[in-house]
Amino acid sequence: MADRDGRDAEPPEGSGGPEAPVDGDAERRRRRAQFLRELNEARELRDRVQPRRARAARMRQQMRMRTFRW
């Protein structure tokens, strides 16, 4: 599944250095946005399939936010 869009492909030689082109940055942002969309979709699916666990996770997150100090 990971190779369907080439995520496991080796990067070309010389890429990823400090002089990486702006296109690489745009590609990285595009891949990150895609990843975050898929992550959110998976989370929503899990919440729908396991409502009790999802509710417990929401409660834990709320408690974390309540006890967080700036």
PDB file of N, CA and C in Angstrom:
ATOM      1  N   MET A   1       0.814  -1.181   0.000  1.00  0.00           N
ATOM      2  CA  MET A   1       0.000   0.000   0.000  1.00  0.00           C
ATOM      3  C   MET A   1       0.866   1.257   0.000  1.00  0.00           C
ATOM      4  N   ALA A   2       1.995   1.226   0.713  1.00  0.00           N
ATOM      5  CA  ALA A   2       2.849   2.398   0.796  1.00  0.00           C
ATOM      6  C   ALA A   2       3.499   2.720  -0.547  1.00  0.00           C
ATOM      7  N   ASP A   3       3.697   1.697  -1.390  1.00  0.00           N
ATOM      8  CA  ASP A   3       4.365   1.965  -2.652  1.00  0.00           C
ATOM      9  C   ASP A   3       3.405   2.435  -3.731  1.00  0.00           C
ATOM     10  N   ARG A   4       2.116   2.570  -3.444  1.00  0.00           N
ATOM     11  CA  ARG A   4       1.171   2.981  -4.473  1.00  0.00           C
ATOM     12  C   ARG A   4       1.425   4.410  -4.923  1.00  0.00           C
ATOM     13  N   ASP A   5       1.913   5.269  -4.025  1.00  0.00           N
ATOM     14  CA  ASP A   5       2.205   6.632  -4.437  1.00  0.00           C
ATOM     15  C   ASP A   5       3.694   6.957  -4.304  1.00  0.00           C
ATOM     16  N   GLY A   6       4.512   5.934  -4.162  1.00  0.00           N
ATOM     17  CA  GLY A   6       5.954   6.124  -4.206  1.00  0.00           C
ATOM     18  C   GLY A   6       6.567   6.611  -2.923  1.00  0.00           C
ATOM     19  N   ARG A   7       5.939   6.429  -1.782  1.00  0.00           N
ATOM     20  CA  ARG A   7       6.520   6.915  -0.533  1.00  0.00           C
ATOM     21  C   ARG A   7       7.778   6.158  -0.154  1.00  0.00           C
ATOM     22  N   ASP A   8       7.870   4.876  -0.518  1.00  0.00           N
ATOM     23  CA  ASP A   8       9.032   4.078  -0.149  1.00  0.00           C
ATOM     24  C   ASP A   8      10.174   4.205  -1.154  1.00  0.00           C
ATOM     25  N   ALA A   9       9.993   5.008  -2.186  1.00  0.00           N
ATOM     26  CA  ALA A   9      11.028   5.161  -3.209  1.00  0.00           C
ATOM     27  C   ALA A   9      12.235   5.886  -2.616  1.00  0.00           C
ATOM     28  N   GLU A  10      13.411   5.488  -3.049  1.00  0.00           N
ATOM     29  CA  GLU A  10      14.637   6.134  -2.590  1.00  0.00           C
ATOM     30  C   GLU A  10      14.713   7.545  -3.173  1.00  0.00           C
ATOM     31  N   PRO A  11      15.115   8.529  -2.386  1.00  0.00           N
ATOM     32  CA  PRO A  11      15.270   9.874  -2.943  1.00  0.00           C
ATOM     33  C   PRO A  11      16.477   9.924  -3.869  1.00  0.00           C
ATOM     34  N   PRO A  12      16.440  10.759  -4.896  1.00  0.00           N
ATOM     35  CA  PRO A  12      17.579  10.840  -5.814  1.00  0.00           C
ATOM     36  C   PRO A  12      18.820  11.364  -5.106  1.00  0.00           C
ATOM     37  N   GLU A  13      19.973  11.023  -5.630  1.00  0.00           N
ATOM     38  CA  GLU A  13      21.240  11.457  -5.037  1.00  0.00           C
ATOM     39  C   GLU A  13      21.323  12.978  -5.047  1.00  0.00           C
ATOM     40  N   GLY A  14      21.845  13.530  -3.971  1.00  0.00           N
ATOM     41  CA  GLY A  14      22.066  14.966  -3.912  1.00  0.00           C
ATOM     42  C   GLY A  14      20.857  15.756  -3.447  1.00  0.00           C
ATOM     43  N   SER A  15      19.716  15.121  -3.245  1.00  0.00           N
ATOM     44  CA  SER A  15      18.549  15.878  -2.798  1.00  0.00           C
ATOM     45  C   SER A  15      18.518  15.902  -1.270  1.00  0.00           C
ATOM     46  N   GLY A  16      17.834  16.869  -0.731  1.00  0.00           N
ATOM     47  CA  GLY A  16      17.688  16.949   0.709  1.00  0.00           C
ATOM     48  C   GLY A  16      18.785  17.730   1.400  1.00  0.00           C
ATOM     49  N   GLY A  17      19.687  18.311   0.650  1.00  0.00           N
ATOM     50  CA  GLY A  17      20.742  19.117   1.251  1.00  0.00           C
ATOM     51  C   GLY A  17      20.228  20.500   1.584  1.00  0.00           C
ATOM     52  N   PRO A  18      21.104  21.349   2.120  1.00  0.00           N
ATOM     53  CA  PRO A  18      20.681  22.706   2.456  1.00  0.00           C
ATOM     54  C   PRO A  18      20.284  23.513   1.230  1.00  0.00           C
ATOM     55  N   GLU A  19      20.796  23.128   0.038  1.00  0.00           N
ATOM     56  CA  GLU A  19      20.451  23.843  -1.181  1.00  0.00           C
ATOM     57  C   GLU A  19      19.316  23.151  -1.936  1.00  0.00           C
ATOM     58  N   ALA A  20      18.397  22.503  -1.196  1.00  0.00           N
ATOM     59  CA  ALA A  20      17.267  21.810  -1.819  1.00  0.00           C
ATOM     60  C   ALA A  20      16.380  22.841  -2.524  1.00  0.00           C
ATOM     61  N   PRO A  21      15.847  22.502  -3.683  1.00  0.00           N
ATOM     62  CA  PRO A  21      15.028  23.462  -4.431  1.00  0.00           C
ATOM     63  C   PRO A  21      13.691  23.731  -3.729  1.00  0.00           C
ATOM     64  N   VAL A  22      13.065  24.825  -4.109  1.00  0.00           N
ATOM     65  CA  VAL A  22      11.791  25.212  -3.531  1.00  0.00           C
ATOM     66  C   VAL A  22      10.730  24.172  -3.887  1.00  0.00           C
ATOM     67  N   ASP A  23      10.855  23.521  -5.051  1.00  0.00           N
ATOM     68  CA  ASP A  23       9.905  22.489  -5.453  1.00  0.00           C
ATOM     69  C   ASP A  23       9.885  21.360  -4.428  1.00  0.00           C
ATOM     70  N   GLY A  24      11.033  21.036  -3.853  1.00  0.00           N
ATOM     71  CA  GLY A  24      11.092  20.000  -2.833  1.00  0.00           C
ATOM     72  C   GLY A  24      10.297  20.394  -1.607  1.00  0.00           C
ATOM     73  N   ASP A  25      10.347  21.671  -1.263  1.00  0.00           N
ATOM     74  CA  ASP A  25       9.592  22.167  -0.117  1.00  0.00           C
ATOM     75  C   ASP A  25       8.095  22.075  -0.399  1.00  0.00           C
ATOM     76  N   ALA A  26       7.686  22.436  -1.598  1.00  0.00           N
ATOM     77  CA  ALA A  26       6.271  22.356  -1.970  1.00  0.00           C
ATOM     78  C   ALA A  26       5.809  20.903  -1.981  1.00  0.00           C
ATOM     79  N   GLU A  27       6.657  20.018  -2.472  1.00  0.00           N
ATOM     80  CA  GLU A  27       6.322  18.591  -2.492  1.00  0.00           C
ATOM     81  C   GLU A  27       6.199  18.054  -1.075  1.00  0.00           C
ATOM     82  N   ARG A  28       7.106  18.473  -0.200  1.00  0.00           N
ATOM     83  CA  ARG A  28       7.050  18.043   1.194  1.00  0.00           C
ATOM     84  C   ARG A  28       5.755  18.522   1.840  1.00  0.00           C
ATOM     85  N   ARG A  29       5.356  19.762   1.597  1.00  0.00           N
ATOM     86  CA  ARG A  29       4.100  20.282   2.144  1.00  0.00           C
ATOM     87  C   ARG A  29       2.898  19.523   1.598  1.00  0.00           C
ATOM     88  N   ARG A  30       2.931  19.191   0.305  1.00  0.00           N
ATOM     89  CA  ARG A  30       1.830  18.457  -0.302  1.00  0.00           C
ATOM     90  C   ARG A  30       1.706  17.071   0.326  1.00  0.00           C
ATOM     91  N   ARG A  31       2.857  16.394   0.506  1.00  0.00           N
ATOM     92  CA  ARG A  31       2.831  15.065   1.116  1.00  0.00           C
ATOM     93  C   ARG A  31       2.380  15.136   2.573  1.00  0.00           C
ATOM     94  N   ARG A  32       2.799  16.176   3.281  1.00  0.00           N
ATOM     95  CA  ARG A  32       2.391  16.339   4.680  1.00  0.00           C
ATOM     96  C   ARG A  32       0.892  16.585   4.780  1.00  0.00           C
ATOM     97  N   ALA A  33       0.359  17.432   3.897  1.00  0.00           N
ATOM     98  CA  ALA A  33      -1.081  17.695   3.896  1.00  0.00           C
ATOM     99  C   ALA A  33      -1.859  16.413   3.608  1.00  0.00           C
ATOM    100  N   GLN A  34      -1.374  15.618   2.653  1.00  0.00           N
ATOM    101  CA  GLN A  34      -2.027  14.343   2.333  1.00  0.00           C
ATOM    102  C   GLN A  34      -1.986  13.412   3.545  1.00  0.00           C
ATOM    103  N   PHE A  35      -0.842  13.338   4.203  1.00  0.00           N
ATOM    104  CA  PHE A  35      -0.709  12.491   5.386  1.00  0.00           C
ATOM    105  C   PHE A  35      -1.677  12.919   6.487  1.00  0.00           C
ATOM    106  N   LEU A  36      -1.767  14.230   6.730  1.00  0.00           N
ATOM    107  CA  LEU A  36      -2.653  14.719   7.781  1.00  0.00           C
ATOM    108  C   LEU A  36      -4.115  14.455   7.446  1.00  0.00           C
ATOM    109  N   ARG A  37      -4.474  14.566   6.152  1.00  0.00           N
ATOM    110  CA  ARG A  37      -5.849  14.236   5.755  1.00  0.00           C
ATOM    111  C   ARG A  37      -6.148  12.769   6.029  1.00  0.00           C
ATOM    112  N   GLU A  38      -5.214  11.890   5.648  1.00  0.00           N
ATOM    113  CA  GLU A  38      -5.418  10.455   5.868  1.00  0.00           C
ATOM    114  C   GLU A  38      -5.460  10.128   7.360  1.00  0.00           C
ATOM    115  N   LEU A  39      -4.627  10.795   8.141  1.00  0.00           N
ATOM    116  CA  LEU A  39      -4.613  10.573   9.583  1.00  0.00           C
ATOM    117  C   LEU A  39      -5.951  10.969  10.208  1.00  0.00           C
ATOM    118  N   ASN A  40      -6.469  12.120   9.793  1.00  0.00           N
ATOM    119  CA  ASN A  40      -7.750  12.582  10.307  1.00  0.00           C
ATOM    120  C   ASN A  40      -8.875  11.635   9.888  1.00  0.00           C
ATOM    121  N   GLU A  41      -8.826  11.158   8.660  1.00  0.00           N
ATOM    122  CA  GLU A  41      -9.840  10.211   8.181  1.00  0.00           C
ATOM    123  C   GLU A  41      -9.793   8.913   8.984  1.00  0.00           C
ATOM    124  N   ALA A  42      -8.594   8.425   9.265  1.00  0.00           N
ATOM    125  CA  ALA A  42      -8.448   7.197  10.059  1.00  0.00           C
ATOM    126  C   ALA A  42      -8.962   7.410  11.476  1.00  0.00           C
ATOM    127  N   ARG A  43      -8.687   8.574  12.039  1.00  0.00           N
ATOM    128  CA  ARG A  43      -9.159   8.872  13.396  1.00  0.00           C
ATOM    129  C   ARG A  43     -10.689   8.914  13.441  1.00  0.00           C
ATOM    130  N   GLU A  44     -11.302   9.550  12.433  1.00  0.00           N
ATOM    131  CA  GLU A  44     -12.763   9.605  12.381  1.00  0.00           C
ATOM    132  C   GLU A  44     -13.363   8.210  12.234  1.00  0.00           C
ATOM    133  N   LEU A  45     -12.743   7.381  11.414  1.00  0.00           N
ATOM    134  CA  LEU A  45     -13.229   6.016  11.236  1.00  0.00           C
ATOM    135  C   LEU A  45     -13.126   5.233  12.545  1.00  0.00           C
ATOM    136  N   ARG A  46     -11.995   5.359  13.226  1.00  0.00           N
ATOM    137  CA  ARG A  46     -11.818   4.669  14.502  1.00  0.00           C
ATOM    138  C   ARG A  46     -12.844   5.145  15.531  1.00  0.00           C
ATOM    139  N   ASP A  47     -13.111   6.454  15.546  1.00  0.00           N
ATOM    140  CA  ASP A  47     -14.104   6.992  16.479  1.00  0.00           C
ATOM    141  C   ASP A  47     -15.492   6.439  16.187  1.00  0.00           C
ATOM    142  N   ARG A  48     -15.798   6.263  14.907  1.00  0.00           N
ATOM    143  CA  ARG A  48     -17.104   5.733  14.535  1.00  0.00           C
ATOM    144  C   ARG A  48     -17.232   4.260  14.892  1.00  0.00           C
ATOM    145  N   VAL A  49     -16.136   3.519  14.738  1.00  0.00           N
ATOM    146  CA  VAL A  49     -16.167   2.078  14.975  1.00  0.00           C
ATOM    147  C   VAL A  49     -16.083   1.755  16.464  1.00  0.00           C
ATOM    148  N   GLN A  50     -15.363   2.559  17.234  1.00  0.00           N
ATOM    149  CA  GLN A  50     -15.161   2.292  18.660  1.00  0.00           C
ATOM    150  C   GLN A  50     -15.582   3.514  19.480  1.00  0.00           C
ATOM    151  N   PRO A  51     -16.888   3.751  19.605  1.00  0.00           N
ATOM    152  CA  PRO A  51     -17.331   4.989  20.264  1.00  0.00           C
ATOM    153  C   PRO A  51     -16.910   5.100  21.721  1.00  0.00           C
ATOM    154  N   ARG A  52     -16.868   3.996  22.454  1.00  0.00           N
ATOM    155  CA  ARG A  52     -16.500   4.087  23.878  1.00  0.00           C
ATOM    156  C   ARG A  52     -15.038   4.491  24.029  1.00  0.00           C
ATOM    157  N   ARG A  53     -14.177   3.865  23.233  1.00  0.00           N
ATOM    158  CA  ARG A  53     -12.758   4.209  23.290  1.00  0.00           C
ATOM    159  C   ARG A  53     -12.540   5.647  22.832  1.00  0.00           C
ATOM    160  N   ALA A  54     -13.289   6.071  21.824  1.00  0.00           N
ATOM    161  CA  ALA A  54     -13.162   7.443  21.325  1.00  0.00           C
ATOM    162  C   ALA A  54     -13.582   8.438  22.411  1.00  0.00           C
ATOM    163  N   ARG A  55     -14.649   8.119  23.130  1.00  0.00           N
ATOM    164  CA  ARG A  55     -15.112   9.011  24.197  1.00  0.00           C
ATOM    165  C   ARG A  55     -14.061   9.097  25.298  1.00  0.00           C
ATOM    166  N   ALA A  56     -13.476   7.966  25.654  1.00  0.00           N
ATOM    167  CA  ALA A  56     -12.431   7.966  26.683  1.00  0.00           C
ATOM    168  C   ALA A  56     -11.228   8.798  26.220  1.00  0.00           C
ATOM    169  N   ALA A  57     -10.885   8.681  24.939  1.00  0.00           N
ATOM    170  CA  ALA A  57      -9.758   9.463  24.410  1.00  0.00           C
ATOM    171  C   ALA A  57     -10.066  10.951  24.446  1.00  0.00           C
ATOM    172  N   ARG A  58     -11.307  11.319  24.115  1.00  0.00           N
ATOM    173  CA  ARG A  58     -11.702  12.737  24.190  1.00  0.00           C
ATOM    174  C   ARG A  58     -11.609  13.252  25.618  1.00  0.00           C
ATOM    175  N   MET A  59     -12.059  12.433  26.561  1.00  0.00           N
ATOM    176  CA  MET A  59     -11.989  12.836  27.971  1.00  0.00           C
ATOM    177  C   MET A  59     -10.537  13.018  28.429  1.00  0.00           C
ATOM    178  N   ARG A  60      -9.661  12.104  28.020  1.00  0.00           N
ATOM    179  CA  ARG A  60      -8.237  12.239  28.372  1.00  0.00           C
ATOM    180  C   ARG A  60      -7.648  13.512  27.771  1.00  0.00           C
ATOM    181  N   GLN A  61      -8.000  13.798  26.509  1.00  0.00           N
ATOM    182  CA  GLN A  61      -7.493  15.003  25.857  1.00  0.00           C
ATOM    183  C   GLN A  61      -7.995  16.253  26.585  1.00  0.00           C
ATOM    184  N   GLN A  62      -9.266  16.268  26.967  1.00  0.00           N
ATOM    185  CA  GLN A  62      -9.804  17.413  27.703  1.00  0.00           C
ATOM    186  C   GLN A  62      -9.086  17.592  29.035  1.00  0.00           C
ATOM    187  N   MET A  63      -8.806  16.487  29.710  1.00  0.00           N
ATOM    188  CA  MET A  63      -8.096  16.576  30.993  1.00  0.00           C
ATOM    189  C   MET A  63      -6.681  17.111  30.771  1.00  0.00           C
ATOM    190  N   ARG A  64      -6.034  16.656  29.708  1.00  0.00           N
ATOM    191  CA  ARG A  64      -4.698  17.176  29.388  1.00  0.00           C
ATOM    192  C   ARG A  64      -4.747  18.679  29.162  1.00  0.00           C
ATOM    193  N   MET A  65      -5.760  19.134  28.421  1.00  0.00           N
ATOM    194  CA  MET A  65      -5.857  20.558  28.129  1.00  0.00           C
ATOM    195  C   MET A  65      -6.181  21.360  29.403  1.00  0.00           C
ATOM    196  N   ARG A  66      -6.988  20.802  30.285  1.00  0.00           N
ATOM    197  CA  ARG A  66      -7.324  21.496  31.527  1.00  0.00           C
ATOM    198  C   ARG A  66      -6.130  21.643  32.441  1.00  0.00           C
ATOM    199  N   THR A  67      -5.255  20.645  32.462  1.00  0.00           N
ATOM    200  CA  THR A  67      -4.136  20.672  33.398  1.00  0.00           C
ATOM    201  C   THR A  67      -2.876  21.284  32.787  1.00  0.00           C
ATOM    202  N   PHE A  68      -2.938  21.655  31.509  1.00  0.00           N
ATOM    203  CA  PHE A  68      -1.768  22.259  30.855  1.00  0.00           C
ATOM    204  C   PHE A  68      -1.558  23.670  31.366  1.00  0.00           C
ATOM    205  N   ARG A  69      -0.306  23.989  31.671  1.00  0.00           N
ATOM    206  CA  ARG A  69       0.010  25.334  32.140  1.00  0.00           C
ATOM    207  C   ARG A  69       0.804  26.077  31.075  1.00  0.00           C
ATOM    208  N   TRP A  70       0.452  27.323  30.847  1.00  0.00           N
ATOM    209  CA  TRP A  70       1.169  28.158  29.892  1.00  0.00           C
ATOM    210  C   TRP A  70       2.406  28.595  30.530  1.00  0.00           C
TER     211      TRP A  70
END
